Every structure is written in structure tokens, then in C-alpha cells.
Amino acid sequence: MLGIAVGLVMLAGCSAAGPDPEPEASSSTSSQQQVSDSFAEKFPDSQVLADCLNEKGWDVTLNEATGGVGFEGTTEQVDQYEIDQAECAPEDDSIPLEDFTSEQWTALYEMELETTECLRAEGIAIEGAPSEQVFIDRYTSADPWMSYAFVGDVGSDRWDELNRLCPQPAM
């Protein structure tokens, strides 16, 4: 499955028009490189996207917990950012849901159950999970059953923490 999670575009009317192409020289460079290396291992497609956007002059931010790639900029920058983002996105080699084998559906269901137990251990109230067949039937509908639907309104720090502790299932 494609591991890209693109963050929301945050707009600020007074942001600078372009990113600073010069990397900052500081003693934290090796620390930043370690963070970047771990991010690249966990979210390789997101790292490819971020690297390409940086090469195009965007100063993107990476969310270590979710793999999100985003930027802050002006409303005037959104159209160009979206064009560059589309050009930079790695090819989607994920398997369409309609082509899933029964083994893949079972694996996804089991991952969802593991995530459910993890979220419960973190204090999230999740009602009983559906049977595997009901999960499969609902997954392709407008109302799929997913454990993260029970998380509710939490702050971004808690959301990131939950995603780090209890990764969302992905195939």
C-alpha cells in the first residue's frame, strides 16, 4: 500500500512567499538527520514526496507519527503547491480493494482487531468489533468499520501519540 499521508494545507496570509533554499547550519543537524532517517524508514513514500517538494523550493513539515507531509503558506501558493505535490507523489502501487484476496482481507481484519485492542488499552471506548464478513462488507461501503472512528475529538498531540502507539492498519 502506498504510505503517503499528506497533511492539510495550512494557510497564513502573512507567510513568506517562498522557502529558504539554504539549509540551516546548526549543531542539531545530526539530530535532524536521525529524525529524517527514521521517518524515511517508516514512511518511504512520504519521504520521497517531501524530498521532491523541498527540491522544488517548498519548506514542508513532516509528521513523525502519521507520515503527513504539509506546508504553511499563503492562499496564493496553494495552486502551485498542489501542482508540485501531484508531480512529486510516488506512483501508487497499492492493490485496489476489489482485487484483495481472502487472505489479504483476513490480514487487514486482524490488523484492525490489533489496533482496536491497542486503542482500548489507551482508554478509547470501542464497542465490539464486527465479524470478519461484516467488516469486509462494510469496508467498501460509505460506512466502513474502523477502530479509529471511535477515537473522537482529541488534540493533535494525543492523535499523534495514538498513531505512534497504535498504528492504523494499512495494506
C-alpha atoms as a PDB file:
ATOM      1  CA  MET A   1       0.000   0.000   0.000  1.00  0.00           C
ATOM      2  CA  LEU A   2       1.136   3.464  -0.678  1.00  0.00           C
ATOM      3  CA  GLY A   3       2.341   5.004   2.553  1.00  0.00           C
ATOM      4  CA  ILE A   4       1.724   8.630   1.822  1.00  0.00           C
ATOM      5  CA  ALA A   5      -0.249  10.686   4.241  1.00  0.00           C
ATOM      6  CA  VAL A   6      -0.460  14.244   3.071  1.00  0.00           C
ATOM      7  CA  GLY A   7      -1.149  16.815   5.752  1.00  0.00           C
ATOM      8  CA  LEU A   8      -3.654  19.580   5.497  1.00  0.00           C
ATOM      9  CA  VAL A   9      -2.508  22.690   3.758  1.00  0.00           C
ATOM     10  CA  MET A  10      -2.323  25.403   6.386  1.00  0.00           C
ATOM     11  CA  LEU A  11      -2.725  28.917   5.100  1.00  0.00           C
ATOM     12  CA  ALA A  12      -1.455  32.123   6.611  1.00  0.00           C
ATOM     13  CA  GLY A  13      -1.944  35.431   4.910  1.00  0.00           C
ATOM     14  CA  CYS A  14       1.370  36.848   6.077  1.00  0.00           C
ATOM     15  CA  SER A  15       3.698  33.935   5.346  1.00  0.00           C
ATOM     16  CA  ALA A  16       6.781  34.442   3.237  1.00  0.00           C
ATOM     17  CA  ALA A  17       6.295  33.828  -0.457  1.00  0.00           C
ATOM     18  CA  GLY A  18       8.995  31.207  -0.768  1.00  0.00           C
ATOM     19  CA  PRO A  19      11.074  28.851   1.268  1.00  0.00           C
ATOM     20  CA  ASP A  20      14.662  29.419   2.277  1.00  0.00           C
ATOM     21  CA  PRO A  21      16.692  27.164  -0.036  1.00  0.00           C
ATOM     22  CA  GLU A  22      19.758  27.231   2.247  1.00  0.00           C
ATOM     23  CA  PRO A  23      19.763  24.596   4.991  1.00  0.00           C
ATOM     24  CA  GLU A  24      20.355  25.952   8.449  1.00  0.00           C
ATOM     25  CA  ALA A  25      23.768  25.207   9.856  1.00  0.00           C
ATOM     26  CA  SER A  26      23.459  24.152  13.451  1.00  0.00           C
ATOM     27  CA  SER A  27      24.566  21.598  15.962  1.00  0.00           C
ATOM     28  CA  SER A  28      21.180  19.877  15.624  1.00  0.00           C
ATOM     29  CA  THR A  29      21.895  18.798  12.039  1.00  0.00           C
ATOM     30  CA  SER A  30      22.844  15.250  13.062  1.00  0.00           C
ATOM     31  CA  SER A  31      19.724  15.049  15.239  1.00  0.00           C
ATOM     32  CA  GLN A  32      17.603  16.275  12.325  1.00  0.00           C
ATOM     33  CA  GLN A  33      19.265  13.692  10.076  1.00  0.00           C
ATOM     34  CA  GLN A  34      18.420  10.908  12.556  1.00  0.00           C
ATOM     35  CA  VAL A  35      14.801  12.033  12.633  1.00  0.00           C
ATOM     36  CA  SER A  36      14.792  12.175   8.842  1.00  0.00           C
ATOM     37  CA  ASP A  37      16.365   8.715   8.591  1.00  0.00           C
ATOM     38  CA  SER A  38      13.782   7.143  10.914  1.00  0.00           C
ATOM     39  CA  PHE A  39      10.973   8.922   9.060  1.00  0.00           C
ATOM     40  CA  ALA A  40      12.341   7.672   5.724  1.00  0.00           C
ATOM     41  CA  GLU A  41      12.364   4.098   7.009  1.00  0.00           C
ATOM     42  CA  LYS A  42       8.839   4.282   8.418  1.00  0.00           C
ATOM     43  CA  PHE A  43       7.256   6.361   5.617  1.00  0.00           C
ATOM     44  CA  PRO A  44       9.419   5.959   2.493  1.00  0.00           C
ATOM     45  CA  ASP A  45       6.812   7.338   0.073  1.00  0.00           C
ATOM     46  CA  SER A  46       6.211  10.372   2.268  1.00  0.00           C
ATOM     47  CA  GLN A  47       9.968  10.982   2.422  1.00  0.00           C
ATOM     48  CA  VAL A  48      10.178  10.815  -1.389  1.00  0.00           C
ATOM     49  CA  LEU A  49       7.330  13.332  -1.619  1.00  0.00           C
ATOM     50  CA  ALA A  50       8.948  15.650   0.945  1.00  0.00           C
ATOM     51  CA  ASP A  51      12.366  15.483  -0.733  1.00  0.00           C
ATOM     52  CA  CYS A  52      10.873  16.312  -4.127  1.00  0.00           C
ATOM     53  CA  LEU A  53       8.838  19.204  -2.728  1.00  0.00           C
ATOM     54  CA  ASN A  54      11.936  20.542  -0.975  1.00  0.00           C
ATOM     55  CA  GLU A  55      13.836  20.355  -4.277  1.00  0.00           C
ATOM     56  CA  LYS A  56      11.043  22.428  -5.844  1.00  0.00           C
ATOM     57  CA  GLY A  57      11.588  25.065  -3.148  1.00  0.00           C
ATOM     58  CA  TRP A  58       8.865  24.208  -0.620  1.00  0.00           C
ATOM     59  CA  ASP A  59       9.640  24.120   3.084  1.00  0.00           C
ATOM     60  CA  VAL A  60       7.498  21.157   4.087  1.00  0.00           C
ATOM     61  CA  THR A  61       6.934  19.728   7.532  1.00  0.00           C
ATOM     62  CA  LEU A  62       6.905  16.032   8.312  1.00  0.00           C
ATOM     63  CA  ASN A  63       4.667  14.493  10.944  1.00  0.00           C
ATOM     64  CA  GLU A  64       6.725  11.721  12.545  1.00  0.00           C
ATOM     65  CA  ALA A  65       3.641   9.980  13.964  1.00  0.00           C
ATOM     66  CA  THR A  66       1.387   9.858  10.904  1.00  0.00           C
ATOM     67  CA  GLY A  67       3.710  10.305   7.938  1.00  0.00           C
ATOM     68  CA  GLY A  68       1.940  13.516   6.998  1.00  0.00           C
ATOM     69  CA  VAL A  69       3.631  15.999   4.681  1.00  0.00           C
ATOM     70  CA  GLY A  70       2.376  19.567   4.773  1.00  0.00           C
ATOM     71  CA  PHE A  71       3.321  23.198   4.425  1.00  0.00           C
ATOM     72  CA  GLU A  72       2.245  26.573   5.673  1.00  0.00           C
ATOM     73  CA  GLY A  73       1.834  29.238   3.068  1.00  0.00           C
ATOM     74  CA  THR A  74      -0.380  31.865   1.563  1.00  0.00           C
ATOM     75  CA  THR A  75      -3.593  31.223  -0.323  1.00  0.00           C
ATOM     76  CA  GLU A  76      -1.788  32.384  -3.450  1.00  0.00           C
ATOM     77  CA  GLN A  77       0.635  29.451  -3.094  1.00  0.00           C
ATOM     78  CA  VAL A  78      -1.952  26.671  -2.831  1.00  0.00           C
ATOM     79  CA  ASP A  79      -2.478  26.071  -6.558  1.00  0.00           C
ATOM     80  CA  GLN A  80       1.241  25.787  -7.306  1.00  0.00           C
ATOM     81  CA  TYR A  81       1.820  23.610  -4.235  1.00  0.00           C
ATOM     82  CA  GLU A  82      -0.910  21.210  -5.350  1.00  0.00           C
ATOM     83  CA  ILE A  83       0.593  21.023  -8.858  1.00  0.00           C
ATOM     84  CA  ASP A  84       4.048  20.314  -7.426  1.00  0.00           C
ATOM     85  CA  GLN A  85       2.606  17.820  -4.958  1.00  0.00           C
ATOM     86  CA  ALA A  86       0.909  15.902  -7.787  1.00  0.00           C
ATOM     87  CA  GLU A  87       4.162  15.868  -9.772  1.00  0.00           C
ATOM     88  CA  CYS A  88       6.145  14.668  -6.752  1.00  0.00           C
ATOM     89  CA  ALA A  89       3.784  11.961  -5.493  1.00  0.00           C
ATOM     90  CA  PRO A  90       5.273   8.482  -5.940  1.00  0.00           C
ATOM     91  CA  GLU A  91       3.329   6.121  -8.162  1.00  0.00           C
ATOM     92  CA  ASP A  92       0.504   4.378  -6.326  1.00  0.00           C
ATOM     93  CA  ASP A  93       1.236   0.666  -6.430  1.00  0.00           C
ATOM     94  CA  SER A  94      -1.432  -0.321  -3.921  1.00  0.00           C
ATOM     95  CA  ILE A  95      -3.841  -3.127  -4.657  1.00  0.00           C
ATOM     96  CA  PRO A  96      -7.400  -1.970  -5.339  1.00  0.00           C
ATOM     97  CA  LEU A  97      -9.853  -3.271  -2.730  1.00  0.00           C
ATOM     98  CA  GLU A  98     -11.801  -5.158  -5.376  1.00  0.00           C
ATOM     99  CA  ASP A  99      -8.630  -7.203  -6.079  1.00  0.00           C
ATOM    100  CA  PHE A 100      -7.983  -8.192  -2.438  1.00  0.00           C
ATOM    101  CA  THR A 101      -7.673 -11.913  -1.847  1.00  0.00           C
ATOM    102  CA  SER A 102      -9.422 -13.551   1.086  1.00  0.00           C
ATOM    103  CA  GLU A 103      -6.003 -13.768   2.784  1.00  0.00           C
ATOM    104  CA  GLN A 104      -5.498 -10.005   2.394  1.00  0.00           C
ATOM    105  CA  TRP A 105      -8.955  -9.274   3.797  1.00  0.00           C
ATOM    106  CA  THR A 106      -8.217 -11.545   6.760  1.00  0.00           C
ATOM    107  CA  ALA A 107      -4.863  -9.835   7.338  1.00  0.00           C
ATOM    108  CA  LEU A 108      -6.482  -6.378   7.241  1.00  0.00           C
ATOM    109  CA  TYR A 109      -9.223  -7.521   9.625  1.00  0.00           C
ATOM    110  CA  GLU A 110      -6.653  -8.932  12.053  1.00  0.00           C
ATOM    111  CA  MET A 111      -4.651  -5.683  11.916  1.00  0.00           C
ATOM    112  CA  GLU A 112      -7.839  -3.753  12.699  1.00  0.00           C
ATOM    113  CA  LEU A 113      -8.500  -6.019  15.691  1.00  0.00           C
ATOM    114  CA  GLU A 114      -4.938  -5.460  16.963  1.00  0.00           C
ATOM    115  CA  THR A 115      -5.393  -1.708  16.602  1.00  0.00           C
ATOM    116  CA  THR A 116      -8.726  -1.972  18.426  1.00  0.00           C
ATOM    117  CA  GLU A 117      -7.111  -3.734  21.404  1.00  0.00           C
ATOM    118  CA  CYS A 118      -4.276  -1.203  21.469  1.00  0.00           C
ATOM    119  CA  LEU A 119      -6.686   1.739  21.444  1.00  0.00           C
ATOM    120  CA  ARG A 120      -8.744   0.136  24.201  1.00  0.00           C
ATOM    121  CA  ALA A 121      -5.561  -0.192  26.268  1.00  0.00           C
ATOM    122  CA  GLU A 122      -5.101   3.556  25.727  1.00  0.00           C
ATOM    123  CA  GLY A 123      -8.536   4.251  27.193  1.00  0.00           C
ATOM    124  CA  ILE A 124     -10.541   4.590  23.970  1.00  0.00           C
ATOM    125  CA  ALA A 125     -14.035   3.117  24.314  1.00  0.00           C
ATOM    126  CA  ILE A 126     -14.643   0.884  21.304  1.00  0.00           C
ATOM    127  CA  GLU A 127     -17.743  -1.233  21.043  1.00  0.00           C
ATOM    128  CA  GLY A 128     -17.419  -4.841  19.922  1.00  0.00           C
ATOM    129  CA  ALA A 129     -15.834  -5.405  16.552  1.00  0.00           C
ATOM    130  CA  PRO A 130     -17.977  -6.872  13.771  1.00  0.00           C
ATOM    131  CA  SER A 131     -17.397 -10.334  12.383  1.00  0.00           C
ATOM    132  CA  GLU A 132     -14.821 -10.602   9.614  1.00  0.00           C
ATOM    133  CA  GLN A 133     -17.514 -10.882   6.929  1.00  0.00           C
ATOM    134  CA  VAL A 134     -19.402  -7.834   8.208  1.00  0.00           C
ATOM    135  CA  PHE A 135     -16.081  -5.927   8.374  1.00  0.00           C
ATOM    136  CA  ILE A 136     -15.342  -6.824   4.731  1.00  0.00           C
ATOM    137  CA  ASP A 137     -18.875  -5.988   3.571  1.00  0.00           C
ATOM    138  CA  ARG A 138     -18.788  -2.590   5.308  1.00  0.00           C
ATOM    139  CA  TYR A 139     -15.200  -1.729   4.397  1.00  0.00           C
ATOM    140  CA  THR A 140     -16.059  -0.864   0.800  1.00  0.00           C
ATOM    141  CA  SER A 141     -19.273   0.920   1.758  1.00  0.00           C
ATOM    142  CA  ALA A 142     -19.857   4.514   2.778  1.00  0.00           C
ATOM    143  CA  ASP A 143     -19.807   3.344   6.412  1.00  0.00           C
ATOM    144  CA  PRO A 144     -16.692   1.186   6.969  1.00  0.00           C
ATOM    145  CA  TRP A 145     -15.973  -0.119  10.477  1.00  0.00           C
ATOM    146  CA  MET A 146     -12.596   1.193  11.665  1.00  0.00           C
ATOM    147  CA  SER A 147     -11.353   1.370  15.226  1.00  0.00           C
ATOM    148  CA  TYR A 148     -10.046   4.916  14.783  1.00  0.00           C
ATOM    149  CA  ALA A 149     -13.613   6.085  14.155  1.00  0.00           C
ATOM    150  CA  PHE A 150     -14.138   5.678  17.917  1.00  0.00           C
ATOM    151  CA  VAL A 151     -11.258   7.965  18.933  1.00  0.00           C
ATOM    152  CA  GLY A 152     -13.401  11.083  18.841  1.00  0.00           C
ATOM    153  CA  ASP A 153     -12.198  14.630  19.244  1.00  0.00           C
ATOM    154  CA  VAL A 154      -8.683  14.600  20.658  1.00  0.00           C
ATOM    155  CA  GLY A 155      -5.891  17.128  20.381  1.00  0.00           C
ATOM    156  CA  SER A 156      -3.224  16.735  17.724  1.00  0.00           C
ATOM    157  CA  ASP A 157      -0.630  15.657  20.300  1.00  0.00           C
ATOM    158  CA  ARG A 158      -2.885  12.842  21.527  1.00  0.00           C
ATOM    159  CA  TRP A 159      -3.787  11.884  17.932  1.00  0.00           C
ATOM    160  CA  ASP A 160      -0.088  11.654  17.055  1.00  0.00           C
ATOM    161  CA  GLU A 161       0.606   9.652  20.205  1.00  0.00           C
ATOM    162  CA  LEU A 162      -2.187   7.192  19.424  1.00  0.00           C
ATOM    163  CA  ASN A 163      -0.965   6.772  15.848  1.00  0.00           C
ATOM    164  CA  ARG A 164       2.540   6.110  17.130  1.00  0.00           C
ATOM    165  CA  LEU A 165       1.390   3.602  19.759  1.00  0.00           C
ATOM    166  CA  CYS A 166      -1.447   2.022  17.753  1.00  0.00           C
ATOM    167  CA  PRO A 167      -0.703   2.385  14.033  1.00  0.00           C
ATOM    168  CA  GLN A 168      -3.674   2.475  11.723  1.00  0.00           C
ATOM    169  CA  PRO A 169      -3.907  -0.668   9.596  1.00  0.00           C
ATOM    170  CA  ALA A 170      -2.583  -0.390   6.071  1.00  0.00           C
ATOM    171  CA  MET A 171      -2.096  -2.891   3.255  1.00  0.00           C
END
